[in-house]
Amino acid sequence: MGSYMVGTSPLEVTLTPDGEHALTANNGSGTVSKVHFEESATVQHVNVGSGPVGAWITPDGTQAWVTNEVSKTISVIAIESFAVDTTLALGYTPGQAIHSPTRTEVYVADEDNGSVHVFDLQTRTWVADIVTGSRAHGISFKPDGSRAYVTNEMDRSVSVIDCESKTVIATIRVGVSPNGIIYRPAL
């Protein structure tokens, strides 16, 4: 492997499903970098909105939804051409933008209003709003897509969402400032 020069202040690193590329959201430079592991570790860069925090890759590996906290937008990148295909103006500070493993939906955390906004992956249009808790940020799905789990940093909680009805069915109290979350099936 080795070290790779990406943009300024890289935050989240995500891998494409085939493991051939890594994407970094470079918060300080307003870019996303794509590292090609199989091509002598070449690196490409693309400009996105201001303050990107993550480049969340679709399950099929064709798109990345980049959450830009400062510009309050999402930049949708086509992975193959590595160009911004669409920019969605949100009007709120996005946390993570995580794709359902079984539906054509993207759940976007709204840090300003304590909610999650659901978008259709194909049309890139809003589908639903789900009130969660103060400063919603991290999102993870059960592998079967039936539930989503959302961290609420200021409420010290995790909201459990039923993905069919798009409602919160439980709130789990946790420690101070929960941020990221990963669903792990019981052993």
C-alpha atoms as a PDB file:
ATOM      1  CA  MET A   1       0.000   0.000   0.000  1.00  0.00           C
ATOM      2  CA  GLY A   2       1.793   3.153   1.140  1.00  0.00           C
ATOM      3  CA  SER A   3       1.010   6.839   1.557  1.00  0.00           C
ATOM      4  CA  TYR A   4      -0.885   8.966  -0.941  1.00  0.00           C
ATOM      5  CA  MET A   5      -1.072  12.733  -1.353  1.00  0.00           C
ATOM      6  CA  VAL A   6      -4.693  13.835  -1.204  1.00  0.00           C
ATOM      7  CA  GLY A   7      -6.266  17.238  -0.501  1.00  0.00           C
ATOM      8  CA  THR A   8      -6.000  19.367   2.640  1.00  0.00           C
ATOM      9  CA  SER A   9      -7.532  18.084   5.901  1.00  0.00           C
ATOM     10  CA  PRO A  10      -8.869  14.711   4.720  1.00  0.00           C
ATOM     11  CA  LEU A  11     -11.656  13.390   6.936  1.00  0.00           C
ATOM     12  CA  GLU A  12     -13.607  10.255   6.015  1.00  0.00           C
ATOM     13  CA  VAL A  13     -12.110   7.538   3.808  1.00  0.00           C
ATOM     14  CA  THR A  14     -14.451   5.191   1.950  1.00  0.00           C
ATOM     15  CA  LEU A  15     -13.725   2.259  -0.354  1.00  0.00           C
ATOM     16  CA  THR A  16     -15.539   1.261  -3.519  1.00  0.00           C
ATOM     17  CA  PRO A  17     -17.284  -2.129  -3.247  1.00  0.00           C
ATOM     18  CA  ASP A  18     -14.629  -3.764  -5.465  1.00  0.00           C
ATOM     19  CA  GLY A  19     -11.835  -2.429  -3.214  1.00  0.00           C
ATOM     20  CA  GLU A  20      -9.960  -0.871  -6.140  1.00  0.00           C
ATOM     21  CA  HIS A  21     -10.423   2.778  -5.137  1.00  0.00           C
ATOM     22  CA  ALA A  22     -10.498   4.866  -1.977  1.00  0.00           C
ATOM     23  CA  LEU A  23     -12.207   8.251  -1.744  1.00  0.00           C
ATOM     24  CA  THR A  24     -11.251  10.946   0.765  1.00  0.00           C
ATOM     25  CA  ALA A  25     -13.303  14.033   1.565  1.00  0.00           C
ATOM     26  CA  ASN A  26     -10.782  16.853   1.918  1.00  0.00           C
ATOM     27  CA  ASN A  27     -12.412  19.377   4.240  1.00  0.00           C
ATOM     28  CA  GLY A  28      -9.754  22.073   3.927  1.00  0.00           C
ATOM     29  CA  SER A  29      -9.469  22.120   0.134  1.00  0.00           C
ATOM     30  CA  GLY A  30     -13.115  21.513  -0.832  1.00  0.00           C
ATOM     31  CA  THR A  31     -12.161  18.463  -2.870  1.00  0.00           C
ATOM     32  CA  VAL A  32     -12.570  14.712  -2.985  1.00  0.00           C
ATOM     33  CA  SER A  33      -9.596  12.544  -3.923  1.00  0.00           C
ATOM     34  CA  LYS A  34      -9.796   9.137  -5.594  1.00  0.00           C
ATOM     35  CA  VAL A  35      -6.849   6.769  -5.089  1.00  0.00           C
ATOM     36  CA  HIS A  36      -6.507   4.027  -7.737  1.00  0.00           C
ATOM     37  CA  PHE A  37      -4.776   1.113  -6.024  1.00  0.00           C
ATOM     38  CA  GLU A  38      -4.384  -0.959  -9.211  1.00  0.00           C
ATOM     39  CA  GLU A  39      -3.000   1.876 -11.355  1.00  0.00           C
ATOM     40  CA  SER A  40       0.322   2.491  -9.605  1.00  0.00           C
ATOM     41  CA  ALA A  41      -1.523   4.365  -6.875  1.00  0.00           C
ATOM     42  CA  THR A  42      -2.555   7.321  -9.034  1.00  0.00           C
ATOM     43  CA  VAL A  43      -4.667  10.007  -7.381  1.00  0.00           C
ATOM     44  CA  GLN A  44      -7.395  12.125  -8.998  1.00  0.00           C
ATOM     45  CA  HIS A  45      -9.069  15.168  -7.449  1.00  0.00           C
ATOM     46  CA  VAL A  46     -12.437  16.834  -8.045  1.00  0.00           C
ATOM     47  CA  ASN A  47     -13.777  20.098  -6.625  1.00  0.00           C
ATOM     48  CA  VAL A  48     -16.966  19.802  -4.566  1.00  0.00           C
ATOM     49  CA  GLY A  49     -18.735  22.152  -2.143  1.00  0.00           C
ATOM     50  CA  SER A  50     -17.171  23.874   0.834  1.00  0.00           C
ATOM     51  CA  GLY A  51     -16.337  21.749   3.872  1.00  0.00           C
ATOM     52  CA  PRO A  52     -16.807  18.180   2.595  1.00  0.00           C
ATOM     53  CA  VAL A  53     -16.883  15.617   5.399  1.00  0.00           C
ATOM     54  CA  GLY A  54     -17.556  12.327   3.625  1.00  0.00           C
ATOM     55  CA  ALA A  55     -17.946  10.717   0.200  1.00  0.00           C
ATOM     56  CA  TRP A  56     -20.556   7.993   0.734  1.00  0.00           C
ATOM     57  CA  ILE A  57     -20.442   5.404  -2.067  1.00  0.00           C
ATOM     58  CA  THR A  58     -23.543   3.681  -3.436  1.00  0.00           C
ATOM     59  CA  PRO A  59     -23.737  -0.118  -3.017  1.00  0.00           C
ATOM     60  CA  ASP A  60     -23.214  -0.591  -6.777  1.00  0.00           C
ATOM     61  CA  GLY A  61     -20.105   1.617  -6.710  1.00  0.00           C
ATOM     62  CA  THR A  62     -21.282   4.013  -9.440  1.00  0.00           C
ATOM     63  CA  GLN A  63     -21.865   7.165  -7.374  1.00  0.00           C
ATOM     64  CA  ALA A  64     -20.583   8.948  -4.282  1.00  0.00           C
ATOM     65  CA  TRP A  65     -22.779  11.379  -2.358  1.00  0.00           C
ATOM     66  CA  VAL A  66     -20.494  13.984  -0.771  1.00  0.00           C
ATOM     67  CA  THR A  67     -21.827  15.926   2.208  1.00  0.00           C
ATOM     68  CA  ASN A  68     -20.537  19.519   2.261  1.00  0.00           C
ATOM     69  CA  GLU A  69     -21.138  21.036   5.711  1.00  0.00           C
ATOM     70  CA  VAL A  70     -20.165  24.656   5.028  1.00  0.00           C
ATOM     71  CA  SER A  71     -21.974  25.085   1.689  1.00  0.00           C
ATOM     72  CA  LYS A  72     -24.908  22.944   2.956  1.00  0.00           C
ATOM     73  CA  THR A  73     -24.981  20.892  -0.233  1.00  0.00           C
ATOM     74  CA  ILE A  74     -24.487  17.388  -1.532  1.00  0.00           C
ATOM     75  CA  SER A  75     -22.224  16.835  -4.530  1.00  0.00           C
ATOM     76  CA  VAL A  76     -23.059  13.647  -6.432  1.00  0.00           C
ATOM     77  CA  ILE A  77     -19.939  12.264  -8.118  1.00  0.00           C
ATOM     78  CA  ALA A  78     -19.955   9.723 -10.954  1.00  0.00           C
ATOM     79  CA  ILE A  79     -17.193   7.333  -9.859  1.00  0.00           C
ATOM     80  CA  GLU A  80     -16.189   6.197 -13.377  1.00  0.00           C
ATOM     81  CA  SER A  81     -15.618   9.693 -14.840  1.00  0.00           C
ATOM     82  CA  PHE A  82     -14.825  11.141 -11.409  1.00  0.00           C
ATOM     83  CA  ALA A  83     -16.779  14.315 -12.089  1.00  0.00           C
ATOM     84  CA  VAL A  84     -19.557  16.058 -10.170  1.00  0.00           C
ATOM     85  CA  ASP A  85     -22.788  15.018 -11.846  1.00  0.00           C
ATOM     86  CA  THR A  86     -25.220  17.016  -9.690  1.00  0.00           C
ATOM     87  CA  THR A  87     -25.167  19.395  -6.743  1.00  0.00           C
ATOM     88  CA  LEU A  88     -28.150  19.342  -4.398  1.00  0.00           C
ATOM     89  CA  ALA A  89     -28.807  22.520  -2.360  1.00  0.00           C
ATOM     90  CA  LEU A  90     -30.039  21.461   1.072  1.00  0.00           C
ATOM     91  CA  GLY A  91     -30.448  24.519   3.291  1.00  0.00           C
ATOM     92  CA  TYR A  92     -29.185  22.583   6.325  1.00  0.00           C
ATOM     93  CA  THR A  93     -25.869  21.167   7.528  1.00  0.00           C
ATOM     94  CA  PRO A  94     -25.613  17.558   6.355  1.00  0.00           C
ATOM     95  CA  GLY A  95     -23.970  14.835   8.417  1.00  0.00           C
ATOM     96  CA  GLN A  96     -23.614  11.454   6.765  1.00  0.00           C
ATOM     97  CA  ALA A  97     -25.437  10.452   3.554  1.00  0.00           C
ATOM     98  CA  ILE A  98     -25.790   6.680   3.698  1.00  0.00           C
ATOM     99  CA  HIS A  99     -27.382   4.490   1.047  1.00  0.00           C
ATOM    100  CA  SER A 100     -29.883   1.806   1.922  1.00  0.00           C
ATOM    101  CA  PRO A 101     -28.485  -1.665   1.218  1.00  0.00           C
ATOM    102  CA  THR A 102     -31.825  -2.863  -0.201  1.00  0.00           C
ATOM    103  CA  ARG A 103     -33.737   0.184  -1.469  1.00  0.00           C
ATOM    104  CA  THR A 104     -32.960   2.980  -3.904  1.00  0.00           C
ATOM    105  CA  GLU A 105     -32.856   5.490  -1.061  1.00  0.00           C
ATOM    106  CA  VAL A 106     -30.255   7.700   0.584  1.00  0.00           C
ATOM    107  CA  TYR A 107     -30.660   8.794   4.215  1.00  0.00           C
ATOM    108  CA  VAL A 108     -29.096  12.215   4.897  1.00  0.00           C
ATOM    109  CA  ALA A 109     -28.592  13.377   8.490  1.00  0.00           C
ATOM    110  CA  ASP A 110     -29.711  16.982   9.143  1.00  0.00           C
ATOM    111  CA  GLU A 111     -27.501  18.327  11.927  1.00  0.00           C
ATOM    112  CA  ASP A 112     -29.369  21.650  12.197  1.00  0.00           C
ATOM    113  CA  ASN A 113     -32.896  20.298  12.663  1.00  0.00           C
ATOM    114  CA  GLY A 114     -32.390  16.917  14.337  1.00  0.00           C
ATOM    115  CA  SER A 115     -33.799  14.831  11.543  1.00  0.00           C
ATOM    116  CA  VAL A 116     -33.055  12.569   8.604  1.00  0.00           C
ATOM    117  CA  HIS A 117     -34.141  13.360   5.057  1.00  0.00           C
ATOM    118  CA  VAL A 118     -34.725  10.454   2.692  1.00  0.00           C
ATOM    119  CA  PHE A 119     -33.898  10.928  -0.995  1.00  0.00           C
ATOM    120  CA  ASP A 120     -34.634   8.726  -4.000  1.00  0.00           C
ATOM    121  CA  LEU A 121     -31.278   7.566  -5.357  1.00  0.00           C
ATOM    122  CA  GLN A 122     -32.399   7.577  -9.009  1.00  0.00           C
ATOM    123  CA  THR A 123     -34.302  10.874  -9.192  1.00  0.00           C
ATOM    124  CA  ARG A 124     -32.295  12.555  -6.414  1.00  0.00           C
ATOM    125  CA  THR A 125     -35.500  14.003  -5.021  1.00  0.00           C
ATOM    126  CA  TRP A 126     -36.762  14.255  -1.442  1.00  0.00           C
ATOM    127  CA  VAL A 127     -39.037  11.400  -0.312  1.00  0.00           C
ATOM    128  CA  ALA A 128     -39.536  11.813   3.450  1.00  0.00           C
ATOM    129  CA  ASP A 129     -38.421  13.533   6.654  1.00  0.00           C
ATOM    130  CA  ILE A 130     -37.926  11.652   9.912  1.00  0.00           C
ATOM    131  CA  VAL A 131     -37.473  13.561  13.192  1.00  0.00           C
ATOM    132  CA  THR A 132     -34.708  11.909  15.237  1.00  0.00           C
ATOM    133  CA  GLY A 133     -32.792  13.960  17.822  1.00  0.00           C
ATOM    134  CA  SER A 134     -30.606  17.004  18.304  1.00  0.00           C
ATOM    135  CA  ARG A 135     -27.619  17.141  15.925  1.00  0.00           C
ATOM    136  CA  ALA A 136     -28.300  13.949  13.976  1.00  0.00           C
ATOM    137  CA  HIS A 137     -25.060  12.874  12.324  1.00  0.00           C
ATOM    138  CA  GLY A 138     -24.093   9.206  11.832  1.00  0.00           C
ATOM    139  CA  ILE A 139     -26.239   6.607  10.055  1.00  0.00           C
ATOM    140  CA  SER A 140     -25.961   2.837   9.711  1.00  0.00           C
ATOM    141  CA  PHE A 141     -28.351   0.223   8.306  1.00  0.00           C
ATOM    142  CA  LYS A 142     -29.086  -3.365   9.202  1.00  0.00           C
ATOM    143  CA  PRO A 143     -27.850  -5.482   6.277  1.00  0.00           C
ATOM    144  CA  ASP A 144     -31.451  -6.412   5.361  1.00  0.00           C
ATOM    145  CA  GLY A 145     -32.359  -2.703   5.095  1.00  0.00           C
ATOM    146  CA  SER A 146     -35.231  -2.946   7.561  1.00  0.00           C
ATOM    147  CA  ARG A 147     -33.759  -0.566  10.151  1.00  0.00           C
ATOM    148  CA  ALA A 148     -31.548   2.512  10.187  1.00  0.00           C
ATOM    149  CA  TYR A 149     -29.688   3.729  13.264  1.00  0.00           C
ATOM    150  CA  VAL A 150     -28.962   7.459  13.653  1.00  0.00           C
ATOM    151  CA  THR A 151     -26.638   9.078  16.198  1.00  0.00           C
ATOM    152  CA  ASN A 152     -27.938  12.249  17.867  1.00  0.00           C
ATOM    153  CA  GLU A 153     -24.859  14.022  19.240  1.00  0.00           C
ATOM    154  CA  MET A 154     -26.564  16.555  21.532  1.00  0.00           C
ATOM    155  CA  ASP A 155     -29.234  14.148  22.824  1.00  0.00           C
ATOM    156  CA  ARG A 156     -26.748  11.386  23.707  1.00  0.00           C
ATOM    157  CA  SER A 157     -28.931   8.923  21.851  1.00  0.00           C
ATOM    158  CA  VAL A 158     -29.394   6.676  18.837  1.00  0.00           C
ATOM    159  CA  SER A 159     -32.723   6.695  16.995  1.00  0.00           C
ATOM    160  CA  VAL A 160     -33.920   3.405  15.500  1.00  0.00           C
ATOM    161  CA  ILE A 161     -35.872   3.945  12.271  1.00  0.00           C
ATOM    162  CA  ASP A 162     -38.244   1.462  10.656  1.00  0.00           C
ATOM    163  CA  CYS A 163     -37.338   1.924   6.979  1.00  0.00           C
ATOM    164  CA  GLU A 164     -40.698   0.720   5.657  1.00  0.00           C
ATOM    165  CA  SER A 165     -42.843   3.183   7.629  1.00  0.00           C
ATOM    166  CA  LYS A 166     -40.071   5.814   7.886  1.00  0.00           C
ATOM    167  CA  THR A 167     -40.749   6.341  11.597  1.00  0.00           C
ATOM    168  CA  VAL A 168     -38.634   6.234  14.752  1.00  0.00           C
ATOM    169  CA  ILE A 169     -39.570   3.080  16.661  1.00  0.00           C
ATOM    170  CA  ALA A 170     -37.061   3.328  19.525  1.00  0.00           C
ATOM    171  CA  THR A 171     -34.524   5.656  21.126  1.00  0.00           C
ATOM    172  CA  ILE A 172     -31.428   4.188  22.763  1.00  0.00           C
ATOM    173  CA  ARG A 173     -29.571   6.276  25.352  1.00  0.00           C
ATOM    174  CA  VAL A 174     -25.780   6.244  24.896  1.00  0.00           C
ATOM    175  CA  GLY A 175     -22.725   8.207  26.062  1.00  0.00           C
ATOM    176  CA  VAL A 176     -21.657  11.773  25.376  1.00  0.00           C
ATOM    177  CA  SER A 177     -21.677  13.062  21.764  1.00  0.00           C
ATOM    178  CA  PRO A 178     -22.207   9.894  19.699  1.00  0.00           C
ATOM    179  CA  ASN A 179     -20.905  10.554  16.199  1.00  0.00           C
ATOM    180  CA  GLY A 180     -20.280   7.593  13.904  1.00  0.00           C
ATOM    181  CA  ILE A 181     -22.104   4.286  14.056  1.00  0.00           C
ATOM    182  CA  ILE A 182     -21.651   0.821  12.553  1.00  0.00           C
ATOM    183  CA  TYR A 183     -24.255  -1.928  12.666  1.00  0.00           C
ATOM    184  CA  ARG A 184     -22.738  -5.236  13.736  1.00  0.00           C
ATOM    185  CA  PRO A 185     -24.884  -8.383  13.807  1.00  0.00           C
ATOM    186  CA  ALA A 186     -24.730 -10.408  17.019  1.00  0.00           C
ATOM    187  CA  LEU A 187     -22.013 -13.032  17.147  1.00  0.00           C
END
